[in-house]
């Protein structure tokens, strides 16, 4: 059959690309690791440390949620103002 060498090289290329990719766990560790915070093992962490971590995470999530809500209402306001202006002058 013609083209077998082409197909074989394509398969080899795909295999090599798959090998060079990082696993999902490695990507997760790389994106979640932070040089400013120290690693706390949950199995050996004290209840006070766990409570502090939980409190910090809740505060961060609240701040992110406030930003999302502000951005959503800002975009909505811009859209409404644009529609009102267009409706008036068109």
PDB file of N, CA and C in Angstrom:
ATOM      1  N   UNK A   1       0.844  -1.180   0.000  1.00  0.00           N
ATOM      2  CA  UNK A   1       0.000   0.000   0.000  1.00  0.00           C
ATOM      3  C   UNK A   1       0.888   1.242   0.000  1.00  0.00           C
ATOM      4  N   UNK A   2       0.431   2.221  -0.703  1.00  0.00           N
ATOM      5  CA  UNK A   2       1.183   3.464  -0.791  1.00  0.00           C
ATOM      6  C   UNK A   2       0.926   4.317   0.447  1.00  0.00           C
ATOM      7  N   UNK A   3       1.925   5.038   0.892  1.00  0.00           N
ATOM      8  CA  UNK A   3       1.748   5.971   1.997  1.00  0.00           C
ATOM      9  C   UNK A   3       1.926   5.380   3.370  1.00  0.00           C
ATOM     10  N   UNK A   4       2.380   4.137   3.476  1.00  0.00           N
ATOM     11  CA  UNK A   4       2.543   3.520   4.796  1.00  0.00           C
ATOM     12  C   UNK A   4       3.613   4.218   5.618  1.00  0.00           C
ATOM     13  N   UNK A   5       4.662   4.669   4.950  1.00  0.00           N
ATOM     14  CA  UNK A   5       5.729   5.364   5.660  1.00  0.00           C
ATOM     15  C   UNK A   5       5.240   6.669   6.263  1.00  0.00           C
ATOM     16  N   UNK A   6       4.357   7.339   5.546  1.00  0.00           N
ATOM     17  CA  UNK A   6       3.799   8.602   6.033  1.00  0.00           C
ATOM     18  C   UNK A   6       2.936   8.359   7.271  1.00  0.00           C
ATOM     19  N   UNK A   7       2.112   7.331   7.213  1.00  0.00           N
ATOM     20  CA  UNK A   7       1.232   7.009   8.343  1.00  0.00           C
ATOM     21  C   UNK A   7       2.062   6.566   9.543  1.00  0.00           C
ATOM     22  N   UNK A   8       3.102   5.780   9.297  1.00  0.00           N
ATOM     23  CA  UNK A   8       3.947   5.306  10.385  1.00  0.00           C
ATOM     24  C   UNK A   8       4.661   6.476  11.066  1.00  0.00           C
ATOM     25  N   UNK A   9       5.147   7.428  10.271  1.00  0.00           N
ATOM     26  CA  UNK A   9       5.830   8.579  10.877  1.00  0.00           C
ATOM     27  C   UNK A   9       4.845   9.457  11.640  1.00  0.00           C
ATOM     28  N   UNK A  10       3.608   9.545  11.165  1.00  0.00           N
ATOM     29  CA  UNK A  10       2.585  10.312  11.889  1.00  0.00           C
ATOM     30  C   UNK A  10       2.290   9.656  13.232  1.00  0.00           C
ATOM     31  N   UNK A  11       2.178   8.328  13.255  1.00  0.00           N
ATOM     32  CA  UNK A  11       1.933   7.616  14.517  1.00  0.00           C
ATOM     33  C   UNK A  11       3.098   7.799  15.472  1.00  0.00           C
ATOM     34  N   UNK A  12       4.314   7.733  14.980  1.00  0.00           N
ATOM     35  CA  UNK A  12       5.495   7.924  15.819  1.00  0.00           C
ATOM     36  C   UNK A  12       5.510   9.335  16.399  1.00  0.00           C
ATOM     37  N   UNK A  13       5.167  10.294  15.575  1.00  0.00           N
ATOM     38  CA  UNK A  13       5.133  11.677  16.039  1.00  0.00           C
ATOM     39  C   UNK A  13       4.091  11.851  17.143  1.00  0.00           C
ATOM     40  N   UNK A  14       2.925  11.256  16.969  1.00  0.00           N
ATOM     41  CA  UNK A  14       1.875  11.347  17.993  1.00  0.00           C
ATOM     42  C   UNK A  14       2.313  10.693  19.302  1.00  0.00           C
ATOM     43  N   UNK A  15       2.961   9.544  19.213  1.00  0.00           N
ATOM     44  CA  UNK A  15       3.453   8.872  20.420  1.00  0.00           C
ATOM     45  C   UNK A  15       4.475   9.734  21.151  1.00  0.00           C
ATOM     46  N   UNK A  16       5.393  10.329  20.398  1.00  0.00           N
ATOM     47  CA  UNK A  16       6.410  11.175  21.028  1.00  0.00           C
ATOM     48  C   UNK A  16       5.780  12.414  21.675  1.00  0.00           C
ATOM     49  N   UNK A  17       4.791  12.987  21.032  1.00  0.00           N
ATOM     50  CA  UNK A  17       4.113  14.147  21.619  1.00  0.00           C
ATOM     51  C   UNK A  17       3.402  13.766  22.909  1.00  0.00           C
ATOM     52  N   UNK A  18       2.799  12.584  22.923  1.00  0.00           N
ATOM     53  CA  UNK A  18       2.086  12.133  24.108  1.00  0.00           C
ATOM     54  C   UNK A  18       3.056  11.925  25.275  1.00  0.00           C
ATOM     55  N   UNK A  19       4.240  11.421  24.977  1.00  0.00           N
ATOM     56  CA  UNK A  19       5.238  11.185  26.017  1.00  0.00           C
ATOM     57  C   UNK A  19       5.771  12.478  26.599  1.00  0.00           C
ATOM     58  N   UNK A  20       5.859  13.514  25.769  1.00  0.00           N
ATOM     59  CA  UNK A  20       6.455  14.767  26.238  1.00  0.00           C
ATOM     60  C   UNK A  20       5.476  15.624  27.014  1.00  0.00           C
ATOM     61  N   UNK A  21       4.188  15.294  26.960  1.00  0.00           N
ATOM     62  CA  UNK A  21       3.199  16.084  27.681  1.00  0.00           C
ATOM     63  C   UNK A  21       3.275  15.801  29.176  1.00  0.00           C
ATOM     64  N   UNK A  22       3.007  16.835  29.962  1.00  0.00           N
ATOM     65  CA  UNK A  22       2.957  16.655  31.411  1.00  0.00           C
ATOM     66  C   UNK A  22       1.610  16.059  31.785  1.00  0.00           C
ATOM     67  N   UNK A  23       1.597  15.284  32.831  1.00  0.00           N
ATOM     68  CA  UNK A  23       0.345  14.684  33.264  1.00  0.00           C
ATOM     69  C   UNK A  23      -0.535  15.751  33.914  1.00  0.00           C
ATOM     70  N   UNK A  24      -1.801  15.433  34.083  1.00  0.00           N
ATOM     71  CA  UNK A  24      -2.722  16.382  34.704  1.00  0.00           C
ATOM     72  C   UNK A  24      -2.299  16.705  36.132  1.00  0.00           C
ATOM     73  N   UNK A  25      -1.799  15.714  36.848  1.00  0.00           N
ATOM     74  CA  UNK A  25      -1.362  15.944  38.214  1.00  0.00           C
ATOM     75  C   UNK A  25      -0.194  16.919  38.251  1.00  0.00           C
ATOM     76  N   UNK A  26       0.766  16.759  37.344  1.00  0.00           N
ATOM     77  CA  UNK A  26       1.908  17.670  37.311  1.00  0.00           C
ATOM     78  C   UNK A  26       1.452  19.085  36.992  1.00  0.00           C
ATOM     79  N   UNK A  27       0.511  19.230  36.057  1.00  0.00           N
ATOM     80  CA  UNK A  27      -0.012  20.558  35.731  1.00  0.00           C
ATOM     81  C   UNK A  27      -0.703  21.164  36.941  1.00  0.00           C
ATOM     82  N   UNK A  28      -1.494  20.344  37.653  1.00  0.00           N
ATOM     83  CA  UNK A  28      -2.220  20.835  38.827  1.00  0.00           C
ATOM     84  C   UNK A  28      -1.246  21.285  39.908  1.00  0.00           C
ATOM     85  N   UNK A  29      -0.219  20.507  40.144  1.00  0.00           N
ATOM     86  CA  UNK A  29       0.768  20.865  41.161  1.00  0.00           C
ATOM     87  C   UNK A  29       1.499  22.138  40.761  1.00  0.00           C
ATOM     88  N   UNK A  30       1.833  22.264  39.482  1.00  0.00           N
ATOM     89  CA  UNK A  30       2.542  23.449  39.019  1.00  0.00           C
ATOM     90  C   UNK A  30       1.683  24.703  39.113  1.00  0.00           C
ATOM     91  N   UNK A  31       0.391  24.602  38.886  1.00  0.00           N
ATOM     92  CA  UNK A  31      -0.465  25.786  38.936  1.00  0.00           C
ATOM     93  C   UNK A  31      -0.902  26.120  40.352  1.00  0.00           C
ATOM     94  N   UNK A  32      -0.938  25.129  41.233  1.00  0.00           N
ATOM     95  CA  UNK A  32      -1.397  25.401  42.586  1.00  0.00           C
ATOM     96  C   UNK A  32      -0.257  25.660  43.552  1.00  0.00           C
ATOM     97  N   UNK A  33       0.953  25.324  43.175  1.00  0.00           N
ATOM     98  CA  UNK A  33       2.064  25.566  44.089  1.00  0.00           C
ATOM     99  C   UNK A  33       2.356  27.054  44.134  1.00  0.00           C
ATOM    100  N   UNK A  34       2.755  27.509  45.298  1.00  0.00           N
ATOM    101  CA  UNK A  34       2.984  28.928  45.496  1.00  0.00           C
ATOM    102  C   UNK A  34       4.263  29.070  46.318  1.00  0.00           C
ATOM    103  N   UNK A  35       5.166  29.887  45.869  1.00  0.00           N
ATOM    104  CA  UNK A  35       6.430  30.046  46.584  1.00  0.00           C
ATOM    105  C   UNK A  35       6.271  30.834  47.878  1.00  0.00           C
ATOM    106  N   UNK A  36       5.199  31.609  47.998  1.00  0.00           N
ATOM    107  CA  UNK A  36       5.034  32.432  49.192  1.00  0.00           C
ATOM    108  C   UNK A  36       4.400  31.672  50.342  1.00  0.00           C
ATOM    109  N   UNK A  37       3.708  30.574  50.070  1.00  0.00           N
ATOM    110  CA  UNK A  37       3.073  29.826  51.144  1.00  0.00           C
ATOM    111  C   UNK A  37       3.792  28.506  51.342  1.00  0.00           C
ATOM    112  N   UNK A  38       3.818  28.067  52.559  1.00  0.00           N
ATOM    113  CA  UNK A  38       4.496  26.815  52.861  1.00  0.00           C
ATOM    114  C   UNK A  38       3.486  25.675  52.808  1.00  0.00           C
ATOM    115  N   UNK A  39       3.971  24.502  52.492  1.00  0.00           N
ATOM    116  CA  UNK A  39       3.112  23.331  52.394  1.00  0.00           C
ATOM    117  C   UNK A  39       2.741  22.842  53.785  1.00  0.00           C
ATOM    118  N   UNK A  40       1.449  22.619  53.994  1.00  0.00           N
ATOM    119  CA  UNK A  40       0.970  22.084  55.256  1.00  0.00           C
ATOM    120  C   UNK A  40       0.319  20.748  54.963  1.00  0.00           C
ATOM    121  N   UNK A  41       0.857  19.706  55.543  1.00  0.00           N
ATOM    122  CA  UNK A  41       0.297  18.379  55.355  1.00  0.00           C
ATOM    123  C   UNK A  41      -0.982  18.273  56.179  1.00  0.00           C
ATOM    124  N   UNK A  42      -2.132  17.991  55.542  1.00  0.00           N
ATOM    125  CA  UNK A  42      -3.384  17.945  56.293  1.00  0.00           C
ATOM    126  C   UNK A  42      -3.426  16.814  57.319  1.00  0.00           C
ATOM    127  N   UNK A  43      -2.604  15.802  57.135  1.00  0.00           N
ATOM    128  CA  UNK A  43      -2.600  14.699  58.096  1.00  0.00           C
ATOM    129  C   UNK A  43      -1.898  15.090  59.394  1.00  0.00           C
ATOM    130  N   UNK A  44      -0.941  16.013  59.320  1.00  0.00           N
ATOM    131  CA  UNK A  44      -0.213  16.396  60.516  1.00  0.00           C
ATOM    132  C   UNK A  44      -0.508  17.825  60.953  1.00  0.00           C
ATOM    133  N   UNK A  45      -1.401  18.532  60.255  1.00  0.00           N
ATOM    134  CA  UNK A  45      -1.716  19.913  60.603  1.00  0.00           C
ATOM    135  C   UNK A  45      -2.576  19.943  61.868  1.00  0.00           C
ATOM    136  N   UNK A  46      -2.363  20.970  62.656  1.00  0.00           N
ATOM    137  CA  UNK A  46      -3.161  21.139  63.867  1.00  0.00           C
ATOM    138  C   UNK A  46      -4.515  21.722  63.486  1.00  0.00           C
ATOM    139  N   UNK A  47      -5.499  21.568  64.332  1.00  0.00           N
ATOM    140  CA  UNK A  47      -6.815  22.153  64.046  1.00  0.00           C
ATOM    141  C   UNK A  47      -6.756  23.684  63.874  1.00  0.00           C
ATOM    142  N   UNK A  48      -5.847  24.337  64.579  1.00  0.00           N
ATOM    143  CA  UNK A  48      -5.727  25.791  64.449  1.00  0.00           C
ATOM    144  C   UNK A  48      -5.215  26.163  63.053  1.00  0.00           C
ATOM    145  N   UNK A  49      -4.228  25.386  62.555  1.00  0.00           N
ATOM    146  CA  UNK A  49      -3.707  25.652  61.214  1.00  0.00           C
ATOM    147  C   UNK A  49      -4.782  25.417  60.160  1.00  0.00           C
ATOM    148  N   UNK A  50      -5.541  24.336  60.338  1.00  0.00           N
ATOM    149  CA  UNK A  50      -6.611  24.046  59.390  1.00  0.00           C
ATOM    150  C   UNK A  50      -7.678  25.137  59.412  1.00  0.00           C
ATOM    151  N   UNK A  51      -7.999  25.636  60.593  1.00  0.00           N
ATOM    152  CA  UNK A  51      -8.989  26.717  60.693  1.00  0.00           C
ATOM    153  C   UNK A  51      -8.468  27.985  60.027  1.00  0.00           C
ATOM    154  N   UNK A  52      -7.185  28.278  60.187  1.00  0.00           N
ATOM    155  CA  UNK A  52      -6.602  29.456  59.552  1.00  0.00           C
ATOM    156  C   UNK A  52      -6.606  29.319  58.030  1.00  0.00           C
ATOM    157  N   UNK A  53      -6.281  28.140  57.548  1.00  0.00           N
ATOM    158  CA  UNK A  53      -6.297  27.902  56.104  1.00  0.00           C
ATOM    159  C   UNK A  53      -7.720  28.037  55.565  1.00  0.00           C
ATOM    160  N   UNK A  54      -8.665  27.453  56.267  1.00  0.00           N
ATOM    161  CA  UNK A  54     -10.061  27.523  55.844  1.00  0.00           C
ATOM    162  C   UNK A  54     -10.538  28.976  55.807  1.00  0.00           C
ATOM    163  N   UNK A  55     -10.188  29.752  56.835  1.00  0.00           N
ATOM    164  CA  UNK A  55     -10.577  31.160  56.899  1.00  0.00           C
ATOM    165  C   UNK A  55      -9.963  31.942  55.737  1.00  0.00           C
ATOM    166  N   UNK A  56      -8.678  31.706  55.451  1.00  0.00           N
ATOM    167  CA  UNK A  56      -8.001  32.415  54.360  1.00  0.00           C
ATOM    168  C   UNK A  56      -8.629  32.088  53.019  1.00  0.00           C
ATOM    169  N   UNK A  57      -8.943  30.809  52.803  1.00  0.00           N
ATOM    170  CA  UNK A  57      -9.565  30.406  51.548  1.00  0.00           C
ATOM    171  C   UNK A  57     -10.956  31.013  51.392  1.00  0.00           C
ATOM    172  N   UNK A  58     -11.712  31.078  52.466  1.00  0.00           N
ATOM    173  CA  UNK A  58     -13.035  31.691  52.399  1.00  0.00           C
ATOM    174  C   UNK A  58     -12.940  33.170  52.059  1.00  0.00           C
ATOM    175  N   UNK A  59     -11.971  33.868  52.651  1.00  0.00           N
ATOM    176  CA  UNK A  59     -11.792  35.286  52.353  1.00  0.00           C
ATOM    177  C   UNK A  59     -11.383  35.497  50.894  1.00  0.00           C
ATOM    178  N   UNK A  60     -10.493  34.650  50.392  1.00  0.00           N
ATOM    179  CA  UNK A  60     -10.073  34.755  48.993  1.00  0.00           C
ATOM    180  C   UNK A  60     -11.253  34.493  48.059  1.00  0.00           C
ATOM    181  N   UNK A  61     -12.062  33.493  48.373  1.00  0.00           N
ATOM    182  CA  UNK A  61     -13.215  33.180  47.535  1.00  0.00           C
ATOM    183  C   UNK A  61     -14.240  34.307  47.552  1.00  0.00           C
ATOM    184  N   UNK A  62     -14.443  34.933  48.714  1.00  0.00           N
ATOM    185  CA  UNK A  62     -15.372  36.062  48.794  1.00  0.00           C
ATOM    186  C   UNK A  62     -14.876  37.233  47.956  1.00  0.00           C
ATOM    187  N   UNK A  63     -13.578  37.489  47.990  1.00  0.00           N
ATOM    188  CA  UNK A  63     -13.011  38.580  47.194  1.00  0.00           C
ATOM    189  C   UNK A  63     -13.170  38.300  45.705  1.00  0.00           C
ATOM    190  N   UNK A  64     -12.935  37.079  45.297  1.00  0.00           N
ATOM    191  CA  UNK A  64     -13.102  36.705  43.892  1.00  0.00           C
ATOM    192  C   UNK A  64     -14.564  36.843  43.483  1.00  0.00           C
ATOM    193  N   UNK A  65     -15.470  36.423  44.354  1.00  0.00           N
ATOM    194  CA  UNK A  65     -16.891  36.510  44.043  1.00  0.00           C
ATOM    195  C   UNK A  65     -17.337  37.966  43.925  1.00  0.00           C
ATOM    196  N   UNK A  66     -16.835  38.838  44.784  1.00  0.00           N
ATOM    197  CA  UNK A  66     -17.172  40.259  44.692  1.00  0.00           C
ATOM    198  C   UNK A  66     -16.687  40.853  43.378  1.00  0.00           C
ATOM    199  N   UNK A  67     -15.482  40.472  42.960  1.00  0.00           N
ATOM    200  CA  UNK A  67     -14.954  40.961  41.686  1.00  0.00           C
ATOM    201  C   UNK A  67     -15.822  40.496  40.531  1.00  0.00           C
ATOM    202  N   UNK A  68     -16.249  39.235  40.560  1.00  0.00           N
ATOM    203  CA  UNK A  68     -17.086  38.698  39.491  1.00  0.00           C
ATOM    204  C   UNK A  68     -18.423  39.427  39.431  1.00  0.00           C
ATOM    205  N   UNK A  69     -19.030  39.665  40.582  1.00  0.00           N
ATOM    206  CA  UNK A  69     -20.319  40.354  40.622  1.00  0.00           C
ATOM    207  C   UNK A  69     -20.175  41.785  40.123  1.00  0.00           C
ATOM    208  N   UNK A  70     -19.125  42.474  40.543  1.00  0.00           N
ATOM    209  CA  UNK A  70     -18.889  43.841  40.097  1.00  0.00           C
ATOM    210  C   UNK A  70     -18.682  43.893  38.587  1.00  0.00           C
ATOM    211  N   UNK A  71     -17.896  42.988  38.065  1.00  0.00           N
ATOM    212  CA  UNK A  71     -17.646  42.946  36.632  1.00  0.00           C
ATOM    213  C   UNK A  71     -18.929  42.653  35.859  1.00  0.00           C
ATOM    214  N   UNK A  72     -19.738  41.730  36.352  1.00  0.00           N
ATOM    215  CA  UNK A  72     -20.989  41.384  35.681  1.00  0.00           C
ATOM    216  C   UNK A  72     -21.925  42.584  35.631  1.00  0.00           C
ATOM    217  N   UNK A  73     -22.101  43.271  36.762  1.00  0.00           N
ATOM    218  CA  UNK A  73     -22.991  44.423  36.779  1.00  0.00           C
ATOM    219  C   UNK A  73     -22.436  45.573  35.949  1.00  0.00           C
ATOM    220  N   UNK A  74     -21.142  45.731  35.903  1.00  0.00           N
ATOM    221  CA  UNK A  74     -20.542  46.777  35.074  1.00  0.00           C
ATOM    222  C   UNK A  74     -20.813  46.515  33.596  1.00  0.00           C
ATOM    223  N   UNK A  75     -20.600  45.290  33.177  1.00  0.00           N
ATOM    224  CA  UNK A  75     -20.856  44.939  31.778  1.00  0.00           C
ATOM    225  C   UNK A  75     -22.330  45.100  31.452  1.00  0.00           C
ATOM    226  N   UNK A  76     -23.193  44.675  32.357  1.00  0.00           N
ATOM    227  CA  UNK A  76     -24.623  44.816  32.151  1.00  0.00           C
ATOM    228  C   UNK A  76     -25.019  46.289  32.045  1.00  0.00           C
ATOM    229  N   UNK A  77     -24.454  47.140  32.882  1.00  0.00           N
ATOM    230  CA  UNK A  77     -24.752  48.569  32.839  1.00  0.00           C
ATOM    231  C   UNK A  77     -24.294  49.182  31.522  1.00  0.00           C
ATOM    232  N   UNK A  78     -23.119  48.809  31.058  1.00  0.00           N
ATOM    233  CA  UNK A  78     -22.613  49.336  29.781  1.00  0.00           C
ATOM    234  C   UNK A  78     -23.525  48.908  28.636  1.00  0.00           C
ATOM    235  N   UNK A  79     -23.965  47.680  28.649  1.00  0.00           N
ATOM    236  CA  UNK A  79     -24.866  47.194  27.600  1.00  0.00           C
ATOM    237  C   UNK A  79     -26.186  47.955  27.631  1.00  0.00           C
ATOM    238  N   UNK A  80     -26.748  48.134  28.820  1.00  0.00           N
ATOM    239  CA  UNK A  80     -28.024  48.846  28.937  1.00  0.00           C
ATOM    240  C   UNK A  80     -27.893  50.303  28.498  1.00  0.00           C
ATOM    241  N   UNK A  81     -26.815  50.949  28.882  1.00  0.00           N
ATOM    242  CA  UNK A  81     -26.605  52.341  28.481  1.00  0.00           C
ATOM    243  C   UNK A  81     -26.441  52.433  26.965  1.00  0.00           C
ATOM    244  N   UNK A  82     -25.694  51.520  26.395  1.00  0.00           N
ATOM    245  CA  UNK A  82     -25.507  51.509  24.943  1.00  0.00           C
ATOM    246  C   UNK A  82     -26.834  51.298  24.223  1.00  0.00           C
ATOM    247  N   UNK A  83     -27.643  50.372  24.701  1.00  0.00           N
ATOM    248  CA  UNK A  83     -28.943  50.138  24.084  1.00  0.00           C
ATOM    249  C   UNK A  83     -29.850  51.350  24.224  1.00  0.00           C
ATOM    250  N   UNK A  84     -29.819  52.012  25.367  1.00  0.00           N
ATOM    251  CA  UNK A  84     -30.647  53.206  25.562  1.00  0.00           C
ATOM    252  C   UNK A  84     -30.234  54.328  24.626  1.00  0.00           C
ATOM    253  N   UNK A  85     -28.940  54.526  24.448  1.00  0.00           N
ATOM    254  CA  UNK A  85     -28.448  55.565  23.550  1.00  0.00           C
ATOM    255  C   UNK A  85     -28.813  55.242  22.110  1.00  0.00           C
ATOM    256  N   UNK A  86     -28.601  54.000  21.730  1.00  0.00           N
ATOM    257  CA  UNK A  86     -28.947  53.596  20.363  1.00  0.00           C
ATOM    258  C   UNK A  86     -30.440  53.709  20.108  1.00  0.00           C
ATOM    259  N   UNK A  87     -31.248  53.355  21.080  1.00  0.00           N
ATOM    260  CA  UNK A  87     -32.699  53.416  20.938  1.00  0.00           C
ATOM    261  C   UNK A  87     -33.162  54.868  20.780  1.00  0.00           C
ATOM    262  N   UNK A  88     -32.505  55.768  21.471  1.00  0.00           N
ATOM    263  CA  UNK A  88     -32.913  57.181  21.430  1.00  0.00           C
ATOM    264  C   UNK A  88     -32.537  57.837  20.109  1.00  0.00           C
ATOM    265  N   UNK A  89     -31.360  57.517  19.583  1.00  0.00           N
ATOM    266  CA  UNK A  89     -30.865  58.204  18.396  1.00  0.00           C
ATOM    267  C   UNK A  89     -31.107  57.446  17.100  1.00  0.00           C
ATOM    268  N   UNK A  90     -31.643  56.282  17.150  1.00  0.00           N
ATOM    269  CA  UNK A  90     -31.921  55.543  15.904  1.00  0.00           C
ATOM    270  C   UNK A  90     -33.373  55.473  15.596  1.00  0.00           C
TER     271      UNK A  90
END
